[in-house]
Amino acid sequence: MKNKKIVGITGASGALGKELTKLFRQKGYKVIGFTHSKSNSKVDLESPNEWIKWECGKESSLKKHLKKIDILILNHGIYNLSRENINYENSIEINALSKFKLLNLFEEIARTNDSLTRKEIWINTSEAEILPALNPSYEISKSLIGQLVSFKNNLLNEETKKKLIIKKIIIGPFKSELNPIGIMSPKFVSKKIYDFSNSKRFLIIISPNPITYILFPIKEFFNFLYCQIIYRYKS
């Protein structure tokens, strides 16, 4: 990737968001951090160059900021063990629907972009898309966003593919406030994300679990075949 691009990161105040921010800043990128945090967000050499406060459900208000971004990393999410119905609603809204709304909004921006450089959007999902996480609301939300991103990528028309690159990043358990017993460190995960960013692959996997490297490519292959059938049926 070329330097001087502008990177947008949602969930920039979380453990992984902070490490991604530091890494991209070190590599010479300008970083815009999107956060739900109500506390004052400091600006220094390891923080985003600019902070944007936002709320899920108000994604359309970010359009003017997203227009400036070359690479958008959707990294926000929640992990709540509550059995209350409201937790299922919040998990689906924040982990899935909010990301899908931003994906659609960024796609719309990319389609009208006059630059010869394609915009990129990277969506961080989870092994919980198909593997147990001992948290039903989290698993449901990750399964939903995982399917939505796969279908979106496979059903892009050729004109849009010239304007937008979609990457789906499957991440295994890493240490954070939400998961203090995670195996991987946020710094390790952020470095792997950056290292794989030059890959032309849609699917990027960062996990200590060997089963993940078998199951997810198989799942994506059948998603691809299914979407090819849809294309033929429509034509």
Protein backbone atom coordinates (compact mmCIF):
# COMPACT_ATOMS: atom_id res chain seq x y z
CA MET A 1 0.00 0.00 0.00
CA LYS A 2 1.16 3.50 -0.72
CA ASN A 3 1.76 5.96 2.05
CA LYS A 4 -0.20 9.14 2.71
CA LYS A 5 -3.55 7.43 2.34
CA ILE A 6 -6.26 8.28 4.87
CA VAL A 7 -7.42 5.39 7.05
CA GLY A 8 -10.68 5.43 9.02
CA ILE A 9 -11.03 3.08 11.99
CA THR A 10 -14.25 2.48 13.92
CA GLY A 11 -13.80 1.30 17.48
CA ALA A 12 -10.55 3.25 17.51
CA SER A 13 -10.60 3.63 21.30
CA GLY A 14 -10.65 -0.16 21.87
CA ALA A 15 -7.64 -2.44 22.33
CA LEU A 16 -7.31 -3.46 18.67
CA GLY A 17 -8.32 -0.02 17.41
CA LYS A 18 -5.50 1.59 19.38
CA GLU A 19 -2.91 -0.83 18.01
CA LEU A 20 -4.14 -0.40 14.44
CA THR A 21 -3.99 3.37 14.89
CA LYS A 22 -0.41 3.30 16.19
CA LEU A 23 0.72 1.00 13.40
CA PHE A 24 -0.83 3.02 10.58
CA ARG A 25 0.51 6.26 12.07
CA GLN A 26 4.00 4.73 12.21
CA LYS A 27 3.68 3.75 8.54
CA GLY A 28 2.91 7.33 7.55
CA TYR A 29 -0.86 7.23 7.16
CA LYS A 30 -3.30 9.82 8.41
CA VAL A 31 -5.81 8.12 10.72
CA ILE A 32 -9.36 9.22 11.48
CA GLY A 33 -10.70 7.48 14.57
CA PHE A 34 -14.43 6.89 14.99
CA THR A 35 -15.54 6.31 18.56
CA HIS A 36 -18.64 6.01 20.74
CA SER A 37 -16.64 7.05 23.80
CA LYS A 38 -18.05 10.04 25.65
CA SER A 39 -14.71 10.89 27.26
CA ASN A 40 -12.41 13.46 25.71
CA SER A 41 -10.23 11.74 23.13
CA LYS A 42 -6.65 12.87 23.27
CA VAL A 43 -4.57 13.56 20.17
CA ASP A 44 -0.88 12.62 20.22
CA LEU A 45 1.65 10.69 18.12
CA GLU A 46 -0.02 7.34 18.88
CA SER A 47 -3.64 8.46 18.60
CA PRO A 48 -5.72 9.19 15.49
CA ASN A 49 -4.94 12.50 13.80
CA GLU A 50 -8.62 13.29 14.16
CA TRP A 51 -11.44 11.92 16.32
CA ILE A 52 -15.06 11.66 15.17
CA LYS A 53 -17.79 10.93 17.73
CA TRP A 54 -20.72 8.93 16.37
CA GLU A 55 -23.62 6.66 17.34
CA CYS A 56 -24.97 3.45 15.84
CA GLY A 57 -28.18 4.22 13.98
CA LYS A 58 -26.79 7.55 12.75
CA GLU A 59 -24.37 6.18 10.17
CA SER A 60 -25.61 8.50 7.42
CA SER A 61 -24.29 11.50 9.38
CA LEU A 62 -20.74 10.22 8.74
CA LYS A 63 -20.97 10.52 4.96
CA LYS A 64 -18.96 13.75 4.70
CA HIS A 65 -16.15 12.18 6.77
CA LEU A 66 -16.18 8.89 4.86
CA LYS A 67 -15.71 10.70 1.56
CA LYS A 68 -12.17 11.63 2.65
CA ILE A 69 -11.19 8.07 3.54
CA ASP A 70 -9.24 5.68 1.30
CA ILE A 71 -9.33 2.63 3.61
CA LEU A 72 -12.17 2.15 6.08
CA ILE A 73 -11.70 -0.49 8.80
CA LEU A 74 -14.91 -1.52 10.55
CA ASN A 75 -13.67 -2.65 13.93
CA HIS A 76 -16.38 -1.65 16.43
CA GLY A 77 -18.46 -4.15 18.35
CA ILE A 78 -19.76 -5.35 21.71
CA TYR A 79 -19.56 -8.61 23.65
CA ASN A 80 -22.22 -8.86 26.32
CA LEU A 81 -23.12 -12.06 28.19
CA SER A 82 -26.53 -10.86 29.36
CA ARG A 83 -29.49 -13.11 28.52
CA GLU A 84 -31.87 -10.16 28.23
CA ASN A 85 -33.64 -9.57 24.90
CA ILE A 86 -32.21 -6.05 24.75
CA ASN A 87 -28.73 -7.58 24.57
CA TYR A 88 -29.66 -9.55 21.46
CA GLU A 89 -31.04 -6.38 19.89
CA ASN A 90 -27.94 -4.35 20.76
CA SER A 91 -25.55 -7.06 19.56
CA ILE A 92 -27.32 -7.36 16.22
CA GLU A 93 -27.54 -3.58 15.79
CA ILE A 94 -23.92 -2.80 16.72
CA ASN A 95 -22.03 -5.90 15.54
CA ALA A 96 -23.99 -6.46 12.33
CA LEU A 97 -26.49 -3.88 11.08
CA SER A 98 -24.33 -0.85 11.87
CA LYS A 99 -21.39 -2.34 9.97
CA PHE A 100 -23.61 -3.26 7.05
CA LYS A 101 -25.02 0.27 6.88
CA LEU A 102 -21.48 1.70 6.81
CA LEU A 103 -20.50 -0.83 4.13
CA ASN A 104 -23.42 0.25 1.96
CA LEU A 105 -22.69 3.93 2.56
CA PHE A 106 -19.02 3.50 1.68
CA GLU A 107 -19.97 1.52 -1.44
CA GLU A 108 -22.19 4.39 -2.54
CA ILE A 109 -19.32 6.84 -2.01
CA ALA A 110 -16.89 4.59 -3.91
CA ARG A 111 -19.22 4.29 -6.91
CA THR A 112 -19.25 8.06 -7.34
CA ASN A 113 -15.52 8.43 -6.69
CA ASP A 114 -13.61 9.93 -9.64
CA SER A 115 -10.17 8.85 -8.40
CA LEU A 116 -8.35 6.06 -10.23
CA THR A 117 -7.42 4.55 -6.86
CA ARG A 118 -9.99 2.09 -5.55
CA LYS A 119 -11.35 2.62 -2.09
CA GLU A 120 -11.05 -0.26 0.36
CA ILE A 121 -13.23 -1.41 3.22
CA TRP A 122 -12.05 -4.06 5.70
CA ILE A 123 -14.66 -5.64 7.97
CA ASN A 124 -13.42 -7.34 11.13
CA THR A 125 -15.65 -10.28 11.98
CA SER A 126 -14.94 -13.29 14.17
CA GLU A 127 -14.58 -17.05 14.36
CA ALA A 128 -17.93 -16.86 16.17
CA GLU A 129 -19.49 -16.56 12.72
CA ILE A 130 -19.47 -20.37 12.58
CA LEU A 131 -17.66 -21.51 15.75
CA PRO A 132 -19.02 -21.35 19.33
CA ALA A 133 -18.12 -18.34 21.49
CA LEU A 134 -20.24 -19.30 24.54
CA ASN A 135 -22.33 -16.20 23.83
CA PRO A 136 -25.45 -16.72 21.68
CA SER A 137 -26.14 -13.03 21.00
CA TYR A 138 -22.54 -12.50 19.88
CA GLU A 139 -22.60 -15.60 17.69
CA ILE A 140 -25.87 -14.57 16.01
CA SER A 141 -24.63 -11.05 15.29
CA LYS A 142 -21.29 -12.26 13.90
CA SER A 143 -22.99 -14.89 11.77
CA LEU A 144 -25.27 -12.20 10.34
CA ILE A 145 -22.54 -9.69 9.45
CA GLY A 146 -20.36 -12.48 8.09
CA GLN A 147 -23.08 -13.62 5.70
CA LEU A 148 -23.97 -10.07 4.69
CA VAL A 149 -20.36 -9.20 3.84
CA SER A 150 -19.86 -12.41 1.84
CA PHE A 151 -23.04 -11.88 -0.18
CA LYS A 152 -22.19 -8.22 -0.74
CA ASN A 153 -18.74 -9.08 -2.08
CA ASN A 154 -19.95 -11.91 -4.31
CA LEU A 155 -22.83 -9.90 -5.78
CA LEU A 156 -20.91 -6.71 -6.60
CA ASN A 157 -21.25 -5.79 -10.25
CA GLU A 158 -18.12 -5.38 -12.37
CA GLU A 159 -18.33 -1.59 -12.42
CA THR A 160 -18.39 -1.40 -8.61
CA LYS A 161 -15.49 -3.86 -8.33
CA LYS A 162 -13.37 -1.32 -10.21
CA LYS A 163 -14.15 1.23 -7.51
CA LEU A 164 -14.22 -0.77 -4.27
CA ILE A 165 -12.22 -3.55 -2.61
CA ILE A 166 -13.86 -5.51 0.21
CA LYS A 167 -11.83 -7.56 2.67
CA LYS A 168 -13.32 -9.82 5.33
CA ILE A 169 -11.04 -10.36 8.31
CA ILE A 170 -11.72 -13.36 10.56
CA ILE A 171 -10.11 -12.78 13.95
CA GLY A 172 -9.61 -15.33 16.71
CA PRO A 173 -9.60 -14.51 20.45
CA PHE A 174 -7.30 -11.64 21.41
CA LYS A 175 -6.78 -9.89 24.74
CA SER A 176 -8.95 -6.87 25.43
CA GLU A 177 -11.16 -5.44 28.18
CA LEU A 178 -14.00 -7.57 26.80
CA ASN A 179 -11.86 -10.72 26.59
CA PRO A 180 -9.02 -10.64 29.15
CA ILE A 181 -8.15 -14.31 28.51
CA GLY A 182 -7.68 -13.93 24.75
CA ILE A 183 -4.72 -15.87 23.37
CA MET A 184 -3.38 -13.31 20.90
CA SER A 185 -2.25 -9.78 21.68
CA PRO A 186 -3.90 -6.78 19.93
CA LYS A 187 -0.46 -5.72 18.71
CA PHE A 188 0.11 -9.11 17.05
CA VAL A 189 -3.33 -9.02 15.41
CA SER A 190 -2.89 -5.47 14.13
CA LYS A 191 0.49 -6.35 12.58
CA LYS A 192 -1.01 -9.40 10.86
CA ILE A 193 -3.87 -7.30 9.48
CA TYR A 194 -1.37 -4.81 8.07
CA ASP A 195 0.90 -7.54 6.69
CA PHE A 196 -2.01 -9.22 4.88
CA SER A 197 -3.40 -5.96 3.54
CA ASN A 198 -1.44 -6.22 0.29
CA SER A 199 -3.03 -9.58 -0.43
CA LYS A 200 -5.61 -9.68 -3.20
CA ARG A 201 -7.64 -12.19 -1.19
CA PHE A 202 -11.11 -11.31 0.05
CA LEU A 203 -10.78 -13.59 3.10
CA ILE A 204 -8.06 -12.95 5.69
CA ILE A 205 -7.78 -15.22 8.74
CA ILE A 206 -5.85 -14.45 11.92
CA SER A 207 -6.34 -17.21 14.45
CA PRO A 208 -4.46 -19.76 16.54
CA ASN A 209 -7.17 -22.34 15.73
CA PRO A 210 -6.22 -24.55 12.73
CA ILE A 211 -9.87 -25.55 12.20
CA THR A 212 -10.66 -21.94 11.27
CA TYR A 213 -8.31 -22.14 8.27
CA ILE A 214 -10.26 -25.15 6.99
CA LEU A 215 -13.88 -24.25 7.70
CA PHE A 216 -13.99 -20.62 6.60
CA PRO A 217 -12.54 -21.08 3.08
CA ILE A 218 -15.00 -23.93 2.53
CA LYS A 219 -17.88 -21.74 3.70
CA GLU A 220 -16.79 -18.88 1.44
CA PHE A 221 -16.47 -21.23 -1.52
CA PHE A 222 -20.06 -22.41 -1.15
CA ASN A 223 -21.20 -18.81 -0.71
CA PHE A 224 -19.46 -18.01 -3.98
CA LEU A 225 -21.13 -20.93 -5.78
CA TYR A 226 -24.53 -19.93 -4.39
CA CYS A 227 -24.11 -16.37 -5.66
CA GLN A 228 -23.04 -17.65 -9.08
CA ILE A 229 -26.30 -19.60 -9.24
CA ILE A 230 -28.20 -16.43 -8.35
CA TYR A 231 -26.45 -14.56 -11.18
CA ARG A 232 -27.36 -17.26 -13.70
CA TYR A 233 -30.94 -17.39 -12.49
CA LYS A 234 -31.30 -13.62 -12.83
CA SER A 235 -29.88 -13.65 -16.35
